[in-house]
């Protein structure tokens, strides 16, 4: 079972991942990133789980 989606706008996704908002918009347009509706200001919502790698970094 997949975890609950963490829905954020593309600007919050940028802050969390470092992926530029323009890149996220392109991925939304191409369909490689799922759009989960819009917030009250009309910004696209994305799931942070789709943007973060599945692998955990090895402990130092």
Protein backbone atom coordinates (compact mmCIF):
# COMPACT_ATOMS: atom_id res chain seq x y z
CA UNK A 1 0.00 0.00 0.00
CA UNK A 2 1.42 3.38 -0.96
CA UNK A 3 1.70 6.16 1.61
CA UNK A 4 -0.80 8.99 1.73
CA UNK A 5 0.08 11.70 -0.80
CA UNK A 6 1.76 14.84 0.49
CA UNK A 7 0.18 17.47 -1.73
CA UNK A 8 2.03 20.76 -2.13
CA UNK A 9 2.14 23.45 -4.79
CA UNK A 10 5.09 23.53 -7.18
CA UNK A 11 6.82 26.32 -5.25
CA UNK A 12 6.75 24.34 -1.99
CA UNK A 13 7.91 21.30 -3.98
CA UNK A 14 10.83 23.40 -5.25
CA UNK A 15 11.81 24.33 -1.69
CA UNK A 16 11.58 20.70 -0.54
CA UNK A 17 13.44 19.12 -3.46
CA UNK A 18 15.45 21.81 -5.24
CA UNK A 19 13.71 21.04 -8.55
CA UNK A 20 12.93 24.32 -10.30
CA UNK A 21 9.24 25.26 -10.67
CA UNK A 22 9.65 25.53 -14.45
CA UNK A 23 10.93 21.96 -14.59
CA UNK A 24 7.96 20.80 -12.54
CA UNK A 25 5.57 22.63 -14.89
CA UNK A 26 7.18 20.93 -17.90
CA UNK A 27 6.85 17.52 -16.22
CA UNK A 28 3.18 18.25 -15.48
CA UNK A 29 2.60 19.26 -19.10
CA UNK A 30 4.36 16.15 -20.44
CA UNK A 31 2.46 13.89 -18.05
CA UNK A 32 5.52 12.54 -16.24
CA UNK A 33 4.28 14.09 -13.00
CA UNK A 34 0.72 13.66 -11.72
CA UNK A 35 -1.38 16.78 -11.18
CA UNK A 36 -3.52 16.45 -8.05
CA UNK A 37 -5.80 19.41 -8.64
CA UNK A 38 -5.22 23.04 -7.72
CA UNK A 39 -5.06 25.03 -4.51
CA UNK A 40 -7.29 28.02 -3.75
CA UNK A 41 -4.90 30.29 -5.67
CA UNK A 42 -4.97 28.13 -8.79
CA UNK A 43 -1.50 26.62 -8.37
CA UNK A 44 -1.01 23.01 -9.43
CA UNK A 45 -0.67 20.49 -6.60
CA UNK A 46 1.85 17.65 -6.80
CA UNK A 47 2.70 14.74 -4.51
CA UNK A 48 6.13 15.06 -2.90
CA UNK A 49 6.46 11.27 -2.91
CA UNK A 50 6.64 11.37 -6.71
CA UNK A 51 9.61 13.73 -6.55
CA UNK A 52 11.73 12.10 -3.88
CA UNK A 53 13.97 9.12 -4.57
CA UNK A 54 12.86 5.76 -3.20
CA UNK A 55 16.34 4.94 -1.93
CA UNK A 56 17.51 5.96 1.50
CA UNK A 57 21.07 7.32 1.73
CA UNK A 58 23.60 5.03 3.37
CA UNK A 59 24.52 6.03 6.93
CA UNK A 60 27.89 7.75 7.28
